[in-house]
Amino acid sequence: MSERVIRRVIVHGRVQGVGYRDWTRHVARARGIEGWVRNRNDGSVEAVFAGTGAGVSDMIGACRKGPPSAVVTDIEEHDAVVSDLDLRRGTERFSVIATV
């Protein structure tokens, strides 16, 4: 059985106003990834992904491209912890949450 991995990413570029959060939620749910995504006031998008190492790595790889209208210039990757998942709404496995 694969070890569970939790990563926080900050996506930079033209990633707001292009459907990036909804695209991320759709792709994460389709891949069985848990977590959340939100816009940040600085124009970036932040997300936390939890799942198998390969699943999280593939999800981050997909985020490097994003939806068709996005232009991703950089992705910062950071370790995260289980409590970072607490920002999800209710019992959702993956949520779009409020901007910070």
N, C-alpha and C. Protein backbone atom coordinates (compact mmCIF):
# COMPACT_ATOMS: atom_id res chain seq x y z
N MET A 1 0.84 -1.18 0.00
CA MET A 1 0.00 0.00 0.00
C MET A 1 0.88 1.25 0.00
N SER A 2 0.51 2.24 -0.80
CA SER A 2 1.30 3.46 -0.92
C SER A 2 1.11 4.37 0.28
N GLU A 3 2.17 5.04 0.64
CA GLU A 3 2.12 5.99 1.75
C GLU A 3 1.36 7.25 1.32
N ARG A 4 0.60 7.81 2.25
CA ARG A 4 -0.16 9.03 1.98
C ARG A 4 0.78 10.22 2.02
N VAL A 5 0.64 11.09 1.03
CA VAL A 5 1.45 12.29 0.90
C VAL A 5 0.53 13.50 0.92
N ILE A 6 0.97 14.57 1.59
CA ILE A 6 0.20 15.82 1.61
C ILE A 6 1.15 16.94 1.21
N ARG A 7 0.77 17.69 0.16
CA ARG A 7 1.60 18.78 -0.34
C ARG A 7 0.75 20.03 -0.50
N ARG A 8 1.36 21.18 -0.23
CA ARG A 8 0.74 22.49 -0.48
C ARG A 8 1.47 23.11 -1.64
N VAL A 9 0.70 23.65 -2.59
CA VAL A 9 1.30 24.30 -3.74
C VAL A 9 0.73 25.72 -3.89
N ILE A 10 1.56 26.59 -4.42
CA ILE A 10 1.13 27.94 -4.79
C ILE A 10 1.45 28.09 -6.27
N VAL A 11 0.41 28.36 -7.05
CA VAL A 11 0.53 28.43 -8.50
C VAL A 11 0.53 29.89 -8.92
N HIS A 12 1.55 30.28 -9.67
CA HIS A 12 1.70 31.66 -10.12
C HIS A 12 1.47 31.76 -11.63
N GLY A 13 1.06 32.92 -12.07
CA GLY A 13 0.83 33.19 -13.48
C GLY A 13 -0.56 33.75 -13.68
N ARG A 14 -1.11 33.55 -14.88
CA ARG A 14 -2.51 33.96 -15.12
C ARG A 14 -3.38 32.79 -14.70
N VAL A 15 -3.73 32.76 -13.42
CA VAL A 15 -4.45 31.62 -12.86
C VAL A 15 -5.74 32.02 -12.15
N GLN A 16 -6.06 33.30 -12.14
CA GLN A 16 -7.35 33.74 -11.60
C GLN A 16 -8.18 34.30 -12.74
N GLY A 17 -9.50 34.05 -12.67
CA GLY A 17 -10.40 34.51 -13.72
C GLY A 17 -10.38 33.62 -14.96
N VAL A 18 -9.80 32.43 -14.84
CA VAL A 18 -9.70 31.51 -15.98
C VAL A 18 -10.28 30.14 -15.66
N GLY A 19 -10.98 30.02 -14.52
CA GLY A 19 -11.58 28.74 -14.14
C GLY A 19 -10.62 27.77 -13.49
N TYR A 20 -9.49 28.28 -13.00
CA TYR A 20 -8.46 27.40 -12.45
C TYR A 20 -8.95 26.61 -11.23
N ARG A 21 -9.66 27.27 -10.31
CA ARG A 21 -10.12 26.57 -9.10
C ARG A 21 -11.11 25.46 -9.43
N ASP A 22 -12.10 25.75 -10.28
CA ASP A 22 -13.07 24.71 -10.64
C ASP A 22 -12.41 23.58 -11.40
N TRP A 23 -11.47 23.90 -12.28
CA TRP A 23 -10.73 22.88 -13.01
C TRP A 23 -9.96 22.00 -12.02
N THR A 24 -9.31 22.62 -11.04
CA THR A 24 -8.54 21.87 -10.04
C THR A 24 -9.44 20.94 -9.25
N ARG A 25 -10.60 21.45 -8.82
CA ARG A 25 -11.54 20.60 -8.07
C ARG A 25 -11.97 19.41 -8.92
N HIS A 26 -12.31 19.64 -10.18
CA HIS A 26 -12.77 18.57 -11.06
C HIS A 26 -11.67 17.51 -11.26
N VAL A 27 -10.47 17.96 -11.56
CA VAL A 27 -9.36 17.03 -11.82
C VAL A 27 -9.00 16.25 -10.55
N ALA A 28 -8.95 16.95 -9.41
CA ALA A 28 -8.61 16.28 -8.15
C ALA A 28 -9.65 15.22 -7.79
N ARG A 29 -10.91 15.55 -7.91
CA ARG A 29 -11.97 14.58 -7.59
C ARG A 29 -11.89 13.39 -8.53
N ALA A 30 -11.65 13.62 -9.81
CA ALA A 30 -11.55 12.53 -10.78
C ALA A 30 -10.37 11.61 -10.47
N ARG A 31 -9.33 12.14 -9.85
CA ARG A 31 -8.13 11.36 -9.54
C ARG A 31 -8.12 10.81 -8.12
N GLY A 32 -9.19 11.08 -7.35
CA GLY A 32 -9.26 10.58 -5.98
C GLY A 32 -8.36 11.33 -5.01
N ILE A 33 -8.03 12.58 -5.35
CA ILE A 33 -7.19 13.42 -4.49
C ILE A 33 -8.07 14.19 -3.51
N GLU A 34 -7.66 14.25 -2.27
CA GLU A 34 -8.35 15.05 -1.26
C GLU A 34 -7.65 16.40 -1.11
N GLY A 35 -8.41 17.41 -0.61
CA GLY A 35 -7.78 18.69 -0.32
C GLY A 35 -8.68 19.87 -0.61
N TRP A 36 -8.05 20.97 -0.99
CA TRP A 36 -8.79 22.20 -1.27
C TRP A 36 -7.97 23.10 -2.19
N VAL A 37 -8.66 24.11 -2.74
CA VAL A 37 -8.01 25.12 -3.59
C VAL A 37 -8.66 26.47 -3.31
N ARG A 38 -7.87 27.54 -3.40
CA ARG A 38 -8.40 28.89 -3.20
C ARG A 38 -7.55 29.91 -3.94
N ASN A 39 -8.17 31.05 -4.25
CA ASN A 39 -7.43 32.20 -4.77
C ASN A 39 -6.74 32.89 -3.60
N ARG A 40 -5.65 33.56 -3.93
CA ARG A 40 -4.95 34.39 -2.95
C ARG A 40 -4.98 35.84 -3.45
N ASN A 41 -4.96 36.76 -2.51
CA ASN A 41 -5.04 38.17 -2.86
C ASN A 41 -3.90 38.66 -3.75
N ASP A 42 -2.79 37.94 -3.78
CA ASP A 42 -1.65 38.34 -4.61
C ASP A 42 -1.78 37.88 -6.06
N GLY A 43 -2.92 37.24 -6.41
CA GLY A 43 -3.15 36.79 -7.79
C GLY A 43 -2.79 35.34 -8.04
N SER A 44 -2.22 34.68 -7.04
CA SER A 44 -1.87 33.26 -7.20
C SER A 44 -3.03 32.38 -6.75
N VAL A 45 -2.89 31.09 -6.95
CA VAL A 45 -3.84 30.09 -6.47
C VAL A 45 -3.07 29.15 -5.56
N GLU A 46 -3.67 28.82 -4.42
CA GLU A 46 -3.06 27.92 -3.45
C GLU A 46 -3.91 26.66 -3.34
N ALA A 47 -3.26 25.52 -3.18
CA ALA A 47 -3.99 24.26 -3.04
C ALA A 47 -3.24 23.32 -2.10
N VAL A 48 -3.99 22.44 -1.47
CA VAL A 48 -3.42 21.34 -0.70
C VAL A 48 -3.96 20.05 -1.30
N PHE A 49 -3.05 19.13 -1.59
CA PHE A 49 -3.40 17.84 -2.18
C PHE A 49 -2.95 16.71 -1.27
N ALA A 50 -3.82 15.72 -1.06
CA ALA A 50 -3.48 14.55 -0.27
C ALA A 50 -3.88 13.30 -1.04
N GLY A 51 -2.99 12.32 -1.02
CA GLY A 51 -3.26 11.05 -1.71
C GLY A 51 -1.98 10.24 -1.77
N THR A 52 -1.93 9.28 -2.67
CA THR A 52 -0.71 8.51 -2.85
C THR A 52 0.38 9.42 -3.40
N GLY A 53 1.62 9.05 -3.20
CA GLY A 53 2.72 9.85 -3.73
C GLY A 53 2.61 10.08 -5.22
N ALA A 54 2.30 9.00 -5.95
CA ALA A 54 2.16 9.13 -7.41
C ALA A 54 0.96 9.99 -7.77
N GLY A 55 -0.15 9.83 -7.05
CA GLY A 55 -1.34 10.62 -7.34
C GLY A 55 -1.12 12.10 -7.12
N VAL A 56 -0.49 12.44 -6.01
CA VAL A 56 -0.22 13.86 -5.71
C VAL A 56 0.77 14.43 -6.71
N SER A 57 1.79 13.67 -7.04
CA SER A 57 2.77 14.11 -8.03
C SER A 57 2.11 14.35 -9.39
N ASP A 58 1.23 13.44 -9.81
CA ASP A 58 0.51 13.62 -11.07
C ASP A 58 -0.40 14.84 -11.03
N MET A 59 -1.04 15.08 -9.88
CA MET A 59 -1.92 16.24 -9.74
C MET A 59 -1.13 17.54 -9.86
N ILE A 60 0.01 17.59 -9.21
CA ILE A 60 0.86 18.79 -9.30
C ILE A 60 1.34 18.97 -10.74
N GLY A 61 1.66 17.87 -11.40
CA GLY A 61 2.06 17.95 -12.81
C GLY A 61 0.95 18.51 -13.68
N ALA A 62 -0.29 18.09 -13.43
CA ALA A 62 -1.43 18.62 -14.19
C ALA A 62 -1.60 20.11 -13.93
N CYS A 63 -1.34 20.53 -12.69
CA CYS A 63 -1.48 21.95 -12.33
C CYS A 63 -0.44 22.82 -13.03
N ARG A 64 0.65 22.26 -13.46
CA ARG A 64 1.67 23.04 -14.18
C ARG A 64 1.13 23.54 -15.51
N LYS A 65 0.12 22.85 -16.03
CA LYS A 65 -0.53 23.30 -17.27
C LYS A 65 -1.84 24.00 -16.96
N GLY A 66 -2.69 23.40 -16.14
CA GLY A 66 -3.97 24.00 -15.76
C GLY A 66 -4.99 23.96 -16.88
N PRO A 67 -6.08 24.70 -16.72
CA PRO A 67 -7.12 24.74 -17.75
C PRO A 67 -6.62 25.51 -18.98
N PRO A 68 -7.34 25.40 -20.11
CA PRO A 68 -6.87 26.00 -21.37
C PRO A 68 -6.53 27.49 -21.31
N SER A 69 -7.25 28.30 -20.54
CA SER A 69 -7.00 29.74 -20.51
C SER A 69 -5.91 30.16 -19.54
N ALA A 70 -5.42 29.24 -18.73
CA ALA A 70 -4.40 29.57 -17.73
C ALA A 70 -3.01 29.65 -18.37
N VAL A 71 -2.17 30.48 -17.76
CA VAL A 71 -0.75 30.53 -18.12
C VAL A 71 0.02 30.41 -16.81
N VAL A 72 0.51 29.22 -16.53
CA VAL A 72 1.24 28.96 -15.28
C VAL A 72 2.71 29.29 -15.51
N THR A 73 3.24 30.18 -14.65
CA THR A 73 4.66 30.56 -14.77
C THR A 73 5.54 29.87 -13.74
N ASP A 74 4.95 29.46 -12.61
CA ASP A 74 5.74 28.81 -11.56
C ASP A 74 4.81 28.11 -10.59
N ILE A 75 5.30 27.04 -9.97
CA ILE A 75 4.58 26.38 -8.88
C ILE A 75 5.56 26.18 -7.74
N GLU A 76 5.21 26.72 -6.57
CA GLU A 76 5.97 26.47 -5.35
C GLU A 76 5.37 25.22 -4.71
N GLU A 77 6.23 24.33 -4.23
CA GLU A 77 5.76 23.12 -3.55
C GLU A 77 6.29 23.10 -2.12
N HIS A 78 5.41 22.77 -1.17
CA HIS A 78 5.77 22.71 0.24
C HIS A 78 5.17 21.46 0.87
N ASP A 79 5.83 20.94 1.89
CA ASP A 79 5.24 19.86 2.68
C ASP A 79 4.03 20.41 3.42
N ALA A 80 3.05 19.58 3.65
CA ALA A 80 1.86 19.96 4.41
C ALA A 80 1.56 18.85 5.42
N VAL A 81 0.63 19.13 6.32
CA VAL A 81 0.26 18.17 7.37
C VAL A 81 -1.24 17.91 7.32
N VAL A 82 -1.67 16.86 7.98
CA VAL A 82 -3.08 16.45 7.97
C VAL A 82 -4.00 17.60 8.37
N SER A 83 -3.61 18.39 9.37
CA SER A 83 -4.49 19.48 9.82
C SER A 83 -4.73 20.53 8.73
N ASP A 84 -3.86 20.60 7.72
CA ASP A 84 -4.08 21.53 6.60
C ASP A 84 -5.35 21.18 5.83
N LEU A 85 -5.77 19.93 5.91
CA LEU A 85 -6.99 19.51 5.21
C LEU A 85 -8.25 20.01 5.92
N ASP A 86 -8.13 20.48 7.14
CA ASP A 86 -9.29 20.92 7.93
C ASP A 86 -10.02 22.11 7.32
N LEU A 87 -9.42 22.80 6.37
CA LEU A 87 -10.07 23.95 5.74
C LEU A 87 -11.15 23.55 4.75
N ARG A 88 -11.24 22.25 4.43
CA ARG A 88 -12.29 21.79 3.51
C ARG A 88 -13.66 22.07 4.10
N ARG A 89 -14.66 22.21 3.21
CA ARG A 89 -16.03 22.46 3.65
C ARG A 89 -16.72 21.15 4.00
N GLY A 90 -17.28 21.09 5.21
CA GLY A 90 -18.09 19.95 5.62
C GLY A 90 -17.41 18.63 5.40
N THR A 91 -18.11 17.74 4.71
CA THR A 91 -17.59 16.40 4.47
C THR A 91 -17.01 16.24 3.06
N GLU A 92 -16.81 17.35 2.35
CA GLU A 92 -16.26 17.27 0.99
C GLU A 92 -14.84 16.71 1.02
N ARG A 93 -14.55 15.87 0.05
CA ARG A 93 -13.18 15.36 -0.08
C ARG A 93 -12.26 16.41 -0.70
N PHE A 94 -12.84 17.25 -1.57
CA PHE A 94 -12.06 18.34 -2.19
C PHE A 94 -12.96 19.56 -2.31
N SER A 95 -12.49 20.71 -1.83
CA SER A 95 -13.32 21.92 -1.77
C SER A 95 -12.63 23.10 -2.44
N VAL A 96 -13.45 24.00 -2.96
CA VAL A 96 -13.00 25.35 -3.31
C VAL A 96 -13.35 26.20 -2.10
N ILE A 97 -12.36 26.86 -1.52
CA ILE A 97 -12.59 27.63 -0.30
C ILE A 97 -12.34 29.12 -0.54
N ALA A 98 -12.63 29.92 0.48
CA ALA A 98 -12.59 31.39 0.36
C ALA A 98 -11.17 31.92 0.10
N THR A 99 -11.12 33.02 -0.60
CA THR A 99 -9.88 33.72 -0.92
C THR A 99 -9.20 34.24 0.35
N VAL A 100 -7.89 34.21 0.35
CA VAL A 100 -7.10 34.82 1.46
C VAL A 100 -6.13 35.84 0.92
